[in-house]
PDB file of N, CA and C in Angstrom:
ATOM      1  N   UNK A   1     -17.839  13.447  67.935  1.00  0.00           N
ATOM      2  CA  UNK A   1     -17.326  14.123  66.956  1.00  0.00           C
ATOM      3  C   UNK A   1     -16.167  13.188  66.695  1.00  0.00           C
ATOM      4  N   UNK A   2     -15.162  12.681  67.586  1.00  0.00           N
ATOM      5  CA  UNK A   2     -14.459  11.494  68.240  1.00  0.00           C
ATOM      6  C   UNK A   2     -14.657  10.170  67.414  1.00  0.00           C
ATOM      7  N   UNK A   3     -16.055   9.746  67.891  1.00  0.00           N
ATOM      8  CA  UNK A   3     -16.446   8.554  67.677  1.00  0.00           C
ATOM      9  C   UNK A   3     -17.032   8.483  66.307  1.00  0.00           C
ATOM     10  N   UNK A   4     -17.382   9.718  65.383  1.00  0.00           N
ATOM     11  CA  UNK A   4     -17.389   9.498  64.027  1.00  0.00           C
ATOM     12  C   UNK A   4     -16.562   9.480  63.211  1.00  0.00           C
ATOM     13  N   UNK A   5     -15.099  10.100  63.547  1.00  0.00           N
ATOM     14  CA  UNK A   5     -14.521  10.324  62.807  1.00  0.00           C
ATOM     15  C   UNK A   5     -13.407   8.842  63.185  1.00  0.00           C
ATOM     16  N   UNK A   6     -13.710   7.881  64.430  1.00  0.00           N
ATOM     17  CA  UNK A   6     -12.574   6.676  64.706  1.00  0.00           C
ATOM     18  C   UNK A   6     -13.728   5.340  63.775  1.00  0.00           C
ATOM     19  N   UNK A   7     -15.134   5.664  63.607  1.00  0.00           N
ATOM     20  CA  UNK A   7     -15.957   4.686  62.825  1.00  0.00           C
ATOM     21  C   UNK A   7     -15.462   5.066  61.949  1.00  0.00           C
ATOM     22  N   UNK A   8     -15.535   6.172  60.597  1.00  0.00           N
ATOM     23  CA  UNK A   8     -15.083   6.379  59.484  1.00  0.00           C
ATOM     24  C   UNK A   8     -13.453   5.578  59.312  1.00  0.00           C
ATOM     25  N   UNK A   9     -12.811   6.013  60.180  1.00  0.00           N
ATOM     26  CA  UNK A   9     -10.977   5.388  59.810  1.00  0.00           C
ATOM     27  C   UNK A   9     -11.778   3.675  60.101  1.00  0.00           C
ATOM     28  N   UNK A  10     -12.292   3.091  61.247  1.00  0.00           N
ATOM     29  CA  UNK A  10     -12.583   1.637  60.923  1.00  0.00           C
ATOM     30  C   UNK A  10     -13.027   1.143  59.561  1.00  0.00           C
ATOM     31  N   UNK A  11     -14.275   1.619  59.200  1.00  0.00           N
ATOM     32  CA  UNK A  11     -15.323   1.556  57.887  1.00  0.00           C
ATOM     33  C   UNK A  11     -14.086   1.493  56.860  1.00  0.00           C
ATOM     34  N   UNK A  12     -13.188   2.299  56.515  1.00  0.00           N
ATOM     35  CA  UNK A  12     -12.284   2.645  55.600  1.00  0.00           C
ATOM     36  C   UNK A  12     -11.150   1.776  55.674  1.00  0.00           C
ATOM     37  N   UNK A  13     -10.843   0.713  57.109  1.00  0.00           N
ATOM     38  CA  UNK A  13      -9.867  -0.061  57.510  1.00  0.00           C
ATOM     39  C   UNK A  13      -8.194   0.299  57.737  1.00  0.00           C
ATOM     40  N   UNK A  14      -8.477   1.393  58.189  1.00  0.00           N
ATOM     41  CA  UNK A  14      -7.615   1.804  58.656  1.00  0.00           C
ATOM     42  C   UNK A  14      -7.150   1.680  60.185  1.00  0.00           C
ATOM     43  N   UNK A  15      -8.091   1.863  60.903  1.00  0.00           N
ATOM     44  CA  UNK A  15      -8.096   1.549  62.024  1.00  0.00           C
ATOM     45  C   UNK A  15      -8.988  -0.314  62.706  1.00  0.00           C
ATOM     46  N   UNK A  16      -8.725  -1.155  63.871  1.00  0.00           N
ATOM     47  CA  UNK A  16      -9.471  -1.944  64.055  1.00  0.00           C
ATOM     48  C   UNK A  16     -10.073  -1.743  65.685  1.00  0.00           C
ATOM     49  N   UNK A  17     -10.865  -2.085  65.745  1.00  0.00           N
ATOM     50  CA  UNK A  17     -11.219  -1.712  67.516  1.00  0.00           C
ATOM     51  C   UNK A  17     -11.552  -3.259  68.215  1.00  0.00           C
ATOM     52  N   UNK A  18     -11.007  -2.826  69.611  1.00  0.00           N
ATOM     53  CA  UNK A  18     -11.733  -4.274  70.287  1.00  0.00           C
ATOM     54  C   UNK A  18     -12.362  -3.736  71.481  1.00  0.00           C
ATOM     55  N   UNK A  19     -13.402  -4.321  71.711  1.00  0.00           N
ATOM     56  CA  UNK A  19     -14.204  -3.819  72.896  1.00  0.00           C
ATOM     57  C   UNK A  19     -14.218  -4.384  73.884  1.00  0.00           C
ATOM     58  N   UNK A  20     -13.421  -4.184  75.278  1.00  0.00           N
ATOM     59  CA  UNK A  20     -12.832  -4.706  76.107  1.00  0.00           C
ATOM     60  C   UNK A  20     -14.605  -5.117  77.342  1.00  0.00           C
ATOM     61  N   UNK A  21     -14.280  -6.082  77.755  1.00  0.00           N
ATOM     62  CA  UNK A  21     -15.460  -6.550  78.746  1.00  0.00           C
ATOM     63  C   UNK A  21     -15.207  -5.560  80.318  1.00  0.00           C
ATOM     64  N   UNK A  22     -15.165  -4.428  80.511  1.00  0.00           N
ATOM     65  CA  UNK A  22     -14.749  -3.930  81.633  1.00  0.00           C
ATOM     66  C   UNK A  22     -15.343  -3.288  82.005  1.00  0.00           C
ATOM     67  N   UNK A  23     -15.840  -2.426  83.189  1.00  0.00           N
ATOM     68  CA  UNK A  23     -16.977  -1.598  83.820  1.00  0.00           C
ATOM     69  C   UNK A  23     -16.134  -0.416  83.990  1.00  0.00           C
ATOM     70  N   UNK A  24     -16.388   0.881  83.700  1.00  0.00           N
ATOM     71  CA  UNK A  24     -17.062   1.005  82.438  1.00  0.00           C
ATOM     72  C   UNK A  24     -16.300   0.218  80.824  1.00  0.00           C
ATOM     73  N   UNK A  25     -17.254   0.194  80.019  1.00  0.00           N
ATOM     74  CA  UNK A  25     -16.626  -0.136  79.039  1.00  0.00           C
ATOM     75  C   UNK A  25     -15.259   0.590  78.534  1.00  0.00           C
ATOM     76  N   UNK A  26     -14.345   0.047  77.458  1.00  0.00           N
ATOM     77  CA  UNK A  26     -13.497   0.539  76.894  1.00  0.00           C
ATOM     78  C   UNK A  26     -13.391  -0.207  75.643  1.00  0.00           C
ATOM     79  N   UNK A  27     -13.178   0.592  74.558  1.00  0.00           N
ATOM     80  CA  UNK A  27     -12.206   0.362  73.506  1.00  0.00           C
ATOM     81  C   UNK A  27     -11.290   0.415  73.168  1.00  0.00           C
ATOM     82  N   UNK A  28     -10.224  -0.507  72.535  1.00  0.00           N
ATOM     83  CA  UNK A  28      -8.760  -0.446  72.332  1.00  0.00           C
ATOM     84  C   UNK A  28      -8.728   0.018  71.001  1.00  0.00           C
ATOM     85  N   UNK A  29      -8.589   0.921  70.015  1.00  0.00           N
ATOM     86  CA  UNK A  29      -7.928   0.918  68.540  1.00  0.00           C
ATOM     87  C   UNK A  29      -6.897   0.716  68.385  1.00  0.00           C
ATOM     88  N   UNK A  30      -6.516  -0.026  67.072  1.00  0.00           N
ATOM     89  CA  UNK A  30      -5.056  -0.165  66.304  1.00  0.00           C
ATOM     90  C   UNK A  30      -5.206  -0.080  65.322  1.00  0.00           C
ATOM     91  N   UNK A  31      -3.826   0.303  64.711  1.00  0.00           N
ATOM     92  CA  UNK A  31      -3.918   0.836  63.232  1.00  0.00           C
ATOM     93  C   UNK A  31      -3.630  -0.675  62.447  1.00  0.00           C
ATOM     94  N   UNK A  32      -4.367  -1.063  61.073  1.00  0.00           N
ATOM     95  CA  UNK A  32      -4.260  -2.369  60.369  1.00  0.00           C
ATOM     96  C   UNK A  32      -2.996  -1.858  59.333  1.00  0.00           C
ATOM     97  N   UNK A  33      -2.840  -2.996  58.567  1.00  0.00           N
ATOM     98  CA  UNK A  33      -1.929  -2.659  57.950  1.00  0.00           C
ATOM     99  C   UNK A  33      -1.693  -2.158  56.616  1.00  0.00           C
ATOM    100  N   UNK A  34      -3.179  -1.568  57.000  1.00  0.00           N
ATOM    101  CA  UNK A  34      -3.508  -0.159  55.462  1.00  0.00           C
ATOM    102  C   UNK A  34      -3.086   1.000  56.435  1.00  0.00           C
ATOM    103  N   UNK A  35      -3.579   1.639  57.901  1.00  0.00           N
ATOM    104  CA  UNK A  35      -3.040   2.552  58.663  1.00  0.00           C
ATOM    105  C   UNK A  35      -1.570   2.557  59.017  1.00  0.00           C
ATOM    106  N   UNK A  36      -0.997   1.238  58.921  1.00  0.00           N
ATOM    107  CA  UNK A  36       0.864   1.354  59.205  1.00  0.00           C
ATOM    108  C   UNK A  36       1.397   1.895  57.512  1.00  0.00           C
ATOM    109  N   UNK A  37       0.660   1.605  56.490  1.00  0.00           N
ATOM    110  CA  UNK A  37       1.435   2.345  55.425  1.00  0.00           C
ATOM    111  C   UNK A  37       0.514   3.685  55.175  1.00  0.00           C
ATOM    112  N   UNK A  38      -0.068   4.046  56.201  1.00  0.00           N
ATOM    113  CA  UNK A  38       0.105   5.424  56.023  1.00  0.00           C
ATOM    114  C   UNK A  38       1.339   6.536  57.270  1.00  0.00           C
ATOM    115  N   UNK A  39       1.542   5.810  57.533  1.00  0.00           N
ATOM    116  CA  UNK A  39       2.751   6.176  58.478  1.00  0.00           C
ATOM    117  C   UNK A  39       4.058   7.353  57.969  1.00  0.00           C
ATOM    118  N   UNK A  40       4.300   6.910  56.428  1.00  0.00           N
ATOM    119  CA  UNK A  40       4.972   8.058  56.141  1.00  0.00           C
ATOM    120  C   UNK A  40       4.403   9.358  55.788  1.00  0.00           C
ATOM    121  N   UNK A  41       3.630   9.000  55.299  1.00  0.00           N
ATOM    122  CA  UNK A  41       2.475  10.228  55.076  1.00  0.00           C
ATOM    123  C   UNK A  41       2.249  11.196  56.401  1.00  0.00           C
ATOM    124  N   UNK A  42       1.733  10.524  57.559  1.00  0.00           N
ATOM    125  CA  UNK A  42       1.673  11.193  58.514  1.00  0.00           C
ATOM    126  C   UNK A  42       2.771  11.894  59.047  1.00  0.00           C
ATOM    127  N   UNK A  43       4.060  11.154  59.273  1.00  0.00           N
ATOM    128  CA  UNK A  43       5.177  12.111  59.614  1.00  0.00           C
ATOM    129  C   UNK A  43       5.957  12.840  58.880  1.00  0.00           C
ATOM    130  N   UNK A  44       5.794  12.996  57.513  1.00  0.00           N
ATOM    131  CA  UNK A  44       5.398  14.406  56.494  1.00  0.00           C
ATOM    132  C   UNK A  44       4.448  15.442  57.095  1.00  0.00           C
ATOM    133  N   UNK A  45       3.247  15.196  57.336  1.00  0.00           N
ATOM    134  CA  UNK A  45       2.567  16.045  57.903  1.00  0.00           C
ATOM    135  C   UNK A  45       2.778  16.859  59.091  1.00  0.00           C
ATOM    136  N   UNK A  46       3.656  15.657  60.300  1.00  0.00           N
ATOM    137  CA  UNK A  46       4.319  16.756  61.089  1.00  0.00           C
ATOM    138  C   UNK A  46       5.422  17.186  61.305  1.00  0.00           C
ATOM    139  N   UNK A  47       5.734  16.889  60.276  1.00  0.00           N
ATOM    140  CA  UNK A  47       7.038  17.167  59.604  1.00  0.00           C
ATOM    141  C   UNK A  47       7.006  19.301  58.834  1.00  0.00           C
ATOM    142  N   UNK A  48       5.924  18.665  58.265  1.00  0.00           N
ATOM    143  CA  UNK A  48       5.268  20.705  57.899  1.00  0.00           C
ATOM    144  C   UNK A  48       4.760  21.046  58.667  1.00  0.00           C
ATOM    145  N   UNK A  49       3.667  20.864  59.495  1.00  0.00           N
ATOM    146  CA  UNK A  49       3.041  21.636  60.756  1.00  0.00           C
ATOM    147  C   UNK A  49       4.128  21.936  61.650  1.00  0.00           C
ATOM    148  N   UNK A  50       5.478  21.324  62.121  1.00  0.00           N
ATOM    149  CA  UNK A  50       6.456  21.323  63.001  1.00  0.00           C
ATOM    150  C   UNK A  50       7.361  22.794  62.108  1.00  0.00           C
ATOM    151  N   UNK A  51       7.320  22.595  60.861  1.00  0.00           N
ATOM    152  CA  UNK A  51       8.073  24.165  59.950  1.00  0.00           C
ATOM    153  C   UNK A  51       7.098  25.056  59.944  1.00  0.00           C
ATOM    154  N   UNK A  52       5.727  24.880  60.108  1.00  0.00           N
ATOM    155  CA  UNK A  52       4.817  25.801  59.627  1.00  0.00           C
ATOM    156  C   UNK A  52       4.272  26.519  61.212  1.00  0.00           C
ATOM    157  N   UNK A  53       4.413  25.726  62.425  1.00  0.00           N
ATOM    158  CA  UNK A  53       4.162  25.987  63.799  1.00  0.00           C
ATOM    159  C   UNK A  53       3.588  27.570  63.831  1.00  0.00           C
ATOM    160  N   UNK A  54       4.658  28.370  63.105  1.00  0.00           N
ATOM    161  CA  UNK A  54       4.452  29.965  64.047  1.00  0.00           C
ATOM    162  C   UNK A  54       3.591  30.629  63.430  1.00  0.00           C
ATOM    163  N   UNK A  55       3.437  30.269  62.132  1.00  0.00           N
ATOM    164  CA  UNK A  55       2.477  30.844  61.333  1.00  0.00           C
ATOM    165  C   UNK A  55       1.260  30.401  61.324  1.00  0.00           C
ATOM    166  N   UNK A  56       0.849  29.023  61.151  1.00  0.00           N
ATOM    167  CA  UNK A  56      -0.476  28.242  61.635  1.00  0.00           C
ATOM    168  C   UNK A  56      -1.112  28.968  63.188  1.00  0.00           C
ATOM    169  N   UNK A  57      -0.348  29.072  64.161  1.00  0.00           N
ATOM    170  CA  UNK A  57      -0.889  30.016  65.406  1.00  0.00           C
ATOM    171  C   UNK A  57      -0.754  31.130  65.325  1.00  0.00           C
ATOM    172  N   UNK A  58      -0.340  31.729  64.285  1.00  0.00           N
ATOM    173  CA  UNK A  58      -1.284  33.407  64.372  1.00  0.00           C
ATOM    174  C   UNK A  58      -2.454  33.376  63.429  1.00  0.00           C
ATOM    175  N   UNK A  59      -2.635  32.344  62.742  1.00  0.00           N
ATOM    176  CA  UNK A  59      -3.606  32.410  61.546  1.00  0.00           C
ATOM    177  C   UNK A  59      -5.145  31.817  62.402  1.00  0.00           C
ATOM    178  N   UNK A  60      -6.579  32.261  62.294  1.00  0.00           N
ATOM    179  CA  UNK A  60      -7.624  32.026  62.956  1.00  0.00           C
ATOM    180  C   UNK A  60      -7.953  30.701  62.486  1.00  0.00           C
ATOM    181  N   UNK A  61      -8.555  30.006  63.211  1.00  0.00           N
ATOM    182  CA  UNK A  61      -8.914  28.523  63.191  1.00  0.00           C
ATOM    183  C   UNK A  61     -10.563  28.661  61.722  1.00  0.00           C
ATOM    184  N   UNK A  62     -10.002  27.484  60.545  1.00  0.00           N
ATOM    185  CA  UNK A  62     -11.102  27.212  60.007  1.00  0.00           C
ATOM    186  C   UNK A  62     -11.576  26.423  60.006  1.00  0.00           C
ATOM    187  N   UNK A  63     -12.972  26.191  60.571  1.00  0.00           N
ATOM    188  CA  UNK A  63     -13.394  24.841  61.067  1.00  0.00           C
ATOM    189  C   UNK A  63     -13.779  23.811  59.155  1.00  0.00           C
ATOM    190  N   UNK A  64     -13.542  23.048  59.596  1.00  0.00           N
ATOM    191  CA  UNK A  64     -13.329  22.194  58.514  1.00  0.00           C
ATOM    192  C   UNK A  64     -14.638  21.580  58.212  1.00  0.00           C
TER     193      UNK A  64
END
């Protein structure tokens, strides 16, 4: 599931990946300029999550 999400983010140019020639193989991900442009949105989501943490914790998880 994580790999699928990373591939989608890369396909949408939100992140870029670099495969490192190590054993075992390792991949590093970093935000692109488009990804950095989302920073303010992500920070606002963090603020929202923090202010609603107690209520969210009381609700059952709904699969997306």
